[in-house]
């Protein structure tokens, strides 16, 4: 909670217990770039109980956080600048909502959060559009900027912890639709290839590496065309860019993947101007009734549907 007498001081209650300091500040001082948050923590400008701490410090009940007073002002100005934008389109991409969470049909081309040169991602725009005094909106998981589809957002801190536990326990099932380049002898196959994150020209990229973390993806063919095929894809693990890298690893890259397969492909002639990867559905236990499994599906959208229609003719 915020100290009413000093706006740059925050006291931790049970809703934020266990949260990392960096994530807490990103949530609390909305509109401040992640790089700025890390910088002020490392310089010692942020104090917890009058002591310097690291960004990964786990908050405890009654911890008192002090931040530089000018940061509140900067955050307020950033939020006001977002408010002037027309954000009513966000209502149109909400495909499910209850008192614990909501699911967005994320558009391709928008990052899920700000940072790395992006001032405002989808979560910042969502917060700016809604009454965040009544909600604690947080991403439960992430999608690549280029990927569209189901994105789960919690509305309460307690539900965020529970939904994260479902992910850790393997109780969340995600299904994607992807168009892979090439021809295929097998209709179903599994790629089990460890991945490691490298930096290439200041860009994070996942690469196959035997010393990396285990990553498993299931591919099931749905419809085959000349030199490409539509697949239903299930990531068994949840590593960064996993589907894209596994597809590229077997020599069947995803159509339109400029990061991992920058060579132009013939699908540009069919109107494809983006990565053909869509998070079609997500299934998990309801936070308010764990014995019930909810499945939410998102529409693939006109652009990708039009590409499929043209491939069929």
Protein backbone atom coordinates (compact mmCIF):
# COMPACT_ATOMS: atom_id res chain seq x y z
CA UNK A 1 0.00 0.00 0.00
CA UNK A 2 1.08 3.60 -0.53
CA UNK A 3 2.05 5.79 2.42
CA UNK A 4 -0.45 8.71 2.13
CA UNK A 5 1.96 11.22 3.68
CA UNK A 6 4.88 10.38 1.41
CA UNK A 7 3.91 9.42 -2.14
CA UNK A 8 7.35 7.96 -2.83
CA UNK A 9 7.05 5.34 -0.04
CA UNK A 10 5.20 2.03 -0.27
CA UNK A 11 4.49 -0.52 2.44
CA UNK A 12 4.03 -4.14 1.38
CA UNK A 13 0.89 -6.04 2.36
CA UNK A 14 -0.15 -9.66 1.69
CA UNK A 15 -1.24 -8.89 -1.88
CA UNK A 16 2.37 -8.19 -2.90
CA UNK A 17 4.19 -10.61 -0.58
CA UNK A 18 6.73 -12.73 -2.44
CA UNK A 19 6.83 -10.43 -5.45
CA UNK A 20 10.22 -9.44 -6.87
CA UNK A 21 11.23 -5.84 -6.22
CA UNK A 22 11.75 -5.05 -9.91
CA UNK A 23 8.36 -6.46 -10.88
CA UNK A 24 6.66 -4.62 -8.03
CA UNK A 25 8.11 -1.29 -9.16
CA UNK A 26 7.18 -1.95 -12.79
CA UNK A 27 3.61 -2.59 -11.67
CA UNK A 28 3.41 0.28 -9.19
CA UNK A 29 5.15 3.07 -11.13
CA UNK A 30 3.51 2.43 -14.48
CA UNK A 31 5.02 4.10 -17.52
CA UNK A 32 8.67 3.81 -16.41
CA UNK A 33 10.94 1.76 -18.72
CA UNK A 34 12.34 -1.46 -17.27
CA UNK A 35 15.90 -0.26 -17.90
CA UNK A 36 15.23 2.81 -15.73
CA UNK A 37 13.86 0.65 -12.90
CA UNK A 38 16.96 -1.58 -12.92
CA UNK A 39 19.24 1.45 -13.07
CA UNK A 40 17.82 3.16 -9.99
CA UNK A 41 17.85 -0.10 -7.98
CA UNK A 42 21.48 -0.80 -8.82
CA UNK A 43 22.49 2.78 -7.99
CA UNK A 44 20.92 2.39 -4.56
CA UNK A 45 18.25 5.02 -5.22
CA UNK A 46 15.63 2.47 -4.18
CA UNK A 47 15.75 1.42 -0.54
CA UNK A 48 13.88 -1.37 1.23
CA UNK A 49 13.74 -0.83 4.99
CA UNK A 50 16.45 1.84 4.46
CA UNK A 51 18.82 -0.72 2.88
CA UNK A 52 20.09 -1.34 -0.64
CA UNK A 53 18.75 -4.53 -2.20
CA UNK A 54 18.98 -6.33 -5.53
CA UNK A 55 16.28 -6.26 -8.24
CA UNK A 56 15.41 -9.92 -7.54
CA UNK A 57 14.78 -9.30 -3.82
CA UNK A 58 11.53 -11.02 -2.74
CA UNK A 59 9.27 -8.64 -0.85
CA UNK A 60 7.97 -9.42 2.64
CA UNK A 61 4.91 -8.14 4.48
CA UNK A 62 5.55 -4.71 6.07
CA UNK A 63 8.65 -4.04 3.96
CA UNK A 64 8.92 -0.29 3.38
CA UNK A 65 10.10 0.73 -0.09
CA UNK A 66 11.39 4.21 -0.80
CA UNK A 67 11.85 5.42 -4.38
CA UNK A 68 13.13 8.77 -5.77
CA UNK A 69 10.27 11.33 -5.56
CA UNK A 70 10.74 12.49 -9.16
CA UNK A 71 9.94 8.97 -10.43
CA UNK A 72 6.29 9.30 -9.37
CA UNK A 73 6.02 12.47 -11.44
CA UNK A 74 7.57 10.84 -14.52
CA UNK A 75 5.25 7.84 -14.22
CA UNK A 76 2.19 10.08 -13.99
CA UNK A 77 3.18 12.01 -17.11
CA UNK A 78 3.70 8.77 -19.06
CA UNK A 79 0.28 7.49 -18.00
CA UNK A 80 -1.42 10.72 -19.05
CA UNK A 81 0.16 10.54 -22.51
CA UNK A 82 -1.30 7.06 -23.00
CA UNK A 83 -4.74 8.20 -21.85
CA UNK A 84 -4.99 10.61 -24.76
CA UNK A 85 -4.89 7.71 -27.22
CA UNK A 86 -8.03 6.02 -28.47
CA UNK A 87 -7.90 2.66 -26.70
CA UNK A 88 -11.50 1.55 -27.25
CA UNK A 89 -10.22 -1.16 -29.64
CA UNK A 90 -9.00 -3.04 -26.57
CA UNK A 91 -12.62 -3.84 -25.67
CA UNK A 92 -12.98 -5.59 -29.01
CA UNK A 93 -10.10 -8.00 -28.37
CA UNK A 94 -11.31 -9.17 -24.93
CA UNK A 95 -12.72 -12.65 -25.66
CA UNK A 96 -13.37 -13.78 -22.07
CA UNK A 97 -13.56 -12.10 -18.66
CA UNK A 98 -14.60 -12.92 -15.12
CA UNK A 99 -13.67 -11.46 -11.72
CA UNK A 100 -10.30 -13.28 -11.64
CA UNK A 101 -8.83 -12.92 -15.13
CA UNK A 102 -9.43 -11.95 -18.73
CA UNK A 103 -8.21 -13.32 -22.06
CA UNK A 104 -7.24 -11.10 -24.98
CA UNK A 105 -7.01 -12.02 -28.65
CA UNK A 106 -3.65 -10.27 -28.99
CA UNK A 107 -3.01 -8.69 -32.40
CA UNK A 108 0.22 -9.47 -34.24
CA UNK A 109 2.78 -6.64 -34.23
CA UNK A 110 2.25 -5.38 -30.68
CA UNK A 111 4.53 -6.37 -27.78
CA UNK A 112 2.87 -7.70 -24.63
CA UNK A 113 4.82 -5.25 -22.43
CA UNK A 114 7.04 -2.21 -22.73
CA UNK A 115 10.84 -2.27 -22.63
CA UNK A 116 13.78 -2.61 -25.04
CA UNK A 117 12.83 0.53 -26.93
CA UNK A 118 9.06 -0.08 -26.70
CA UNK A 119 7.42 2.55 -24.48
CA UNK A 120 4.03 0.86 -24.12
CA UNK A 121 3.06 -2.75 -24.67
CA UNK A 122 -0.38 -4.33 -24.57
CA UNK A 123 -0.44 -4.67 -20.78
CA UNK A 124 0.37 -0.95 -20.31
CA UNK A 125 -2.34 0.03 -22.78
CA UNK A 126 -4.83 -2.28 -21.06
CA UNK A 127 -4.07 -0.70 -17.69
CA UNK A 128 -4.42 2.79 -19.12
CA UNK A 129 -7.80 1.89 -20.63
CA UNK A 130 -9.33 0.37 -17.50
CA UNK A 131 -9.85 1.40 -13.88
CA UNK A 132 -6.66 0.05 -12.32
CA UNK A 133 -7.76 1.24 -8.87
CA UNK A 134 -10.10 -1.75 -8.83
CA UNK A 135 -7.86 -4.20 -10.71
CA UNK A 136 -4.30 -5.45 -10.45
CA UNK A 137 -3.72 -6.34 -14.11
CA UNK A 138 -0.70 -8.57 -14.72
CA UNK A 139 0.44 -10.81 -17.57
CA UNK A 140 0.21 -14.49 -16.66
CA UNK A 141 2.38 -15.53 -19.62
CA UNK A 142 3.76 -13.94 -22.78
CA UNK A 143 3.47 -14.14 -26.54
CA UNK A 144 6.03 -12.95 -29.07
CA UNK A 145 5.38 -9.54 -30.58
CA UNK A 146 4.75 -11.17 -33.98
CA UNK A 147 2.41 -13.87 -32.62
CA UNK A 148 -1.34 -13.32 -32.31
CA UNK A 149 -3.94 -15.08 -30.17
CA UNK A 150 -4.90 -16.01 -26.62
CA UNK A 151 -3.15 -13.97 -23.94
CA UNK A 152 -4.08 -14.55 -20.30
CA UNK A 153 -4.12 -11.57 -17.89
CA UNK A 154 -4.91 -11.84 -14.16
CA UNK A 155 -6.97 -9.20 -12.36
CA UNK A 156 -5.93 -10.06 -8.80
CA UNK A 157 -2.52 -10.75 -7.27
CA UNK A 158 -3.80 -13.88 -5.51
CA UNK A 159 -5.12 -15.28 -8.80
CA UNK A 160 -1.84 -14.48 -10.55
CA UNK A 161 0.03 -16.68 -8.09
CA UNK A 162 -2.48 -19.49 -8.61
CA UNK A 163 -2.38 -19.25 -12.40
CA UNK A 164 1.43 -19.27 -12.31
CA UNK A 165 1.23 -22.45 -10.23
CA UNK A 166 -0.99 -24.04 -12.89
CA UNK A 167 1.69 -23.26 -15.48
CA UNK A 168 4.45 -24.72 -13.28
CA UNK A 169 2.40 -27.85 -12.59
CA UNK A 170 1.70 -28.44 -16.28
CA UNK A 171 -2.05 -27.86 -15.92
CA UNK A 172 -2.21 -25.31 -18.73
CA UNK A 173 -2.70 -26.57 -22.29
CA UNK A 174 -1.94 -24.19 -25.17
CA UNK A 175 -2.60 -24.88 -28.85
CA UNK A 176 -1.22 -22.86 -31.76
CA UNK A 177 -1.85 -22.78 -35.49
CA UNK A 178 1.24 -22.36 -37.63
CA UNK A 179 2.04 -22.54 -41.33
CA UNK A 180 5.29 -24.41 -41.91
CA UNK A 181 7.29 -24.19 -45.13
CA UNK A 182 8.22 -27.32 -47.09
CA UNK A 183 6.72 -30.76 -47.75
CA UNK A 184 6.04 -33.37 -45.08
CA UNK A 185 6.24 -37.17 -45.01
CA UNK A 186 4.93 -37.45 -41.46
CA UNK A 187 1.59 -36.07 -40.32
CA UNK A 188 2.64 -35.97 -36.66
CA UNK A 189 6.03 -35.58 -35.04
CA UNK A 190 7.72 -34.29 -31.88
CA UNK A 191 10.78 -32.06 -31.68
CA UNK A 192 12.78 -32.58 -28.48
CA UNK A 193 15.68 -30.15 -28.71
CA UNK A 194 17.25 -28.11 -25.87
CA UNK A 195 17.38 -24.35 -26.41
CA UNK A 196 19.64 -21.60 -25.14
CA UNK A 197 19.21 -17.81 -25.28
CA UNK A 198 21.92 -15.80 -27.04
CA UNK A 199 22.21 -12.11 -27.89
CA UNK A 200 22.72 -11.23 -31.54
CA UNK A 201 23.07 -7.50 -32.35
CA UNK A 202 21.26 -6.63 -29.08
CA UNK A 203 18.45 -9.02 -30.04
CA UNK A 204 17.56 -12.03 -27.88
CA UNK A 205 17.46 -15.22 -29.93
CA UNK A 206 16.92 -18.82 -28.90
CA UNK A 207 19.34 -21.31 -30.45
CA UNK A 208 19.50 -25.13 -30.39
CA UNK A 209 22.17 -26.11 -27.87
CA UNK A 210 22.77 -29.41 -26.08
CA UNK A 211 23.71 -27.43 -22.97
CA UNK A 212 20.45 -25.44 -23.07
CA UNK A 213 17.14 -26.12 -21.33
CA UNK A 214 14.98 -28.96 -22.54
CA UNK A 215 12.23 -27.92 -24.96
CA UNK A 216 9.57 -30.18 -26.50
CA UNK A 217 7.02 -29.31 -29.18
CA UNK A 218 4.32 -31.47 -30.81
CA UNK A 219 3.35 -30.88 -34.45
CA UNK A 220 0.17 -32.31 -36.01
CA UNK A 221 -0.62 -31.70 -39.67
CA UNK A 222 -4.06 -30.28 -40.38
CA UNK A 223 -3.96 -29.34 -44.08
CA UNK A 224 -1.26 -29.60 -46.73
CA UNK A 225 -0.65 -27.25 -49.66
CA UNK A 226 2.05 -26.86 -52.30
CA UNK A 227 5.35 -26.34 -50.44
CA UNK A 228 3.72 -25.56 -47.07
CA UNK A 229 1.28 -27.01 -44.55
CA UNK A 230 -0.97 -25.86 -41.71
CA UNK A 231 -0.14 -27.48 -38.37
CA UNK A 232 -1.71 -27.64 -34.94
CA UNK A 233 1.20 -27.10 -32.58
CA UNK A 234 1.45 -27.81 -28.85
CA UNK A 235 4.43 -26.60 -26.84
CA UNK A 236 4.92 -29.15 -24.05
CA UNK A 237 7.47 -26.84 -22.45
CA UNK A 238 7.38 -23.05 -22.54
CA UNK A 239 10.74 -21.71 -23.67
CA UNK A 240 11.33 -18.39 -25.47
CA UNK A 241 10.54 -18.62 -29.22
CA UNK A 242 10.31 -22.39 -28.82
CA UNK A 243 7.92 -23.14 -31.70
CA UNK A 244 9.75 -20.84 -34.11
CA UNK A 245 13.19 -22.27 -33.34
CA UNK A 246 12.04 -25.91 -33.40
CA UNK A 247 10.36 -25.39 -36.77
CA UNK A 248 13.52 -23.80 -38.14
CA UNK A 249 15.68 -26.53 -36.55
CA UNK A 250 13.98 -29.27 -38.61
CA UNK A 251 14.29 -27.21 -41.79
CA UNK A 252 10.57 -26.32 -41.92
CA UNK A 253 10.49 -22.67 -40.78
CA UNK A 254 7.29 -20.86 -39.97
CA UNK A 255 6.00 -18.72 -42.84
CA UNK A 256 6.85 -15.05 -42.41
CA UNK A 257 9.41 -15.58 -39.62
CA UNK A 258 11.82 -12.71 -40.30
CA UNK A 259 13.81 -13.28 -37.12
CA UNK A 260 14.75 -16.93 -37.59
CA UNK A 261 14.35 -17.29 -41.36
CA UNK A 262 14.84 -13.83 -42.91
CA UNK A 263 14.85 -15.11 -46.49
CA UNK A 264 11.66 -14.01 -48.34
CA UNK A 265 9.22 -16.84 -49.08
CA UNK A 266 6.61 -17.28 -51.79
CA UNK A 267 3.73 -16.67 -49.36
CA UNK A 268 4.25 -12.93 -49.73
CA UNK A 269 2.51 -13.41 -53.07
CA UNK A 270 -0.50 -14.74 -51.14
CA UNK A 271 -0.73 -11.61 -49.00
CA UNK A 272 1.20 -12.79 -45.94
CA UNK A 273 2.84 -9.80 -44.24
CA UNK A 274 3.45 -11.23 -40.77
CA UNK A 275 4.51 -14.35 -38.89
CA UNK A 276 1.99 -17.14 -39.43
CA UNK A 277 1.69 -18.25 -35.81
CA UNK A 278 -1.52 -17.89 -33.82
CA UNK A 279 -2.26 -18.95 -30.23
CA UNK A 280 -5.57 -20.63 -31.01
CA UNK A 281 -6.66 -21.86 -27.58
CA UNK A 282 -5.74 -22.07 -23.92
CA UNK A 283 -7.16 -24.47 -21.30
CA UNK A 284 -6.63 -24.41 -17.53
CA UNK A 285 -8.51 -24.94 -14.22
CA UNK A 286 -10.77 -22.07 -13.22
CA UNK A 287 -9.12 -20.14 -10.37
CA UNK A 288 -12.44 -19.95 -8.50
CA UNK A 289 -13.36 -23.59 -9.17
CA UNK A 290 -10.25 -25.70 -9.76
CA UNK A 291 -12.27 -28.84 -10.53
CA UNK A 292 -13.56 -27.17 -13.71
CA UNK A 293 -11.38 -26.82 -16.80
CA UNK A 294 -12.08 -23.83 -19.03
CA UNK A 295 -11.05 -23.70 -22.69
CA UNK A 296 -10.96 -20.36 -24.49
CA UNK A 297 -10.47 -20.06 -28.24
CA UNK A 298 -9.51 -17.07 -30.36
CA UNK A 299 -10.32 -16.26 -33.98
CA UNK A 300 -7.36 -16.56 -36.33
CA UNK A 301 -8.31 -13.31 -38.07
CA UNK A 302 -9.00 -12.23 -41.64
CA UNK A 303 -5.39 -11.83 -42.75
CA UNK A 304 -4.33 -15.41 -41.99
CA UNK A 305 -7.70 -16.80 -43.11
CA UNK A 306 -7.28 -15.05 -46.45
CA UNK A 307 -3.84 -16.64 -46.94
CA UNK A 308 -5.30 -20.11 -46.30
CA UNK A 309 -8.17 -19.43 -48.71
CA UNK A 310 -5.75 -18.39 -51.46
CA UNK A 311 -3.59 -21.49 -50.87
CA UNK A 312 -6.65 -23.69 -51.36
CA UNK A 313 -7.48 -22.26 -54.81
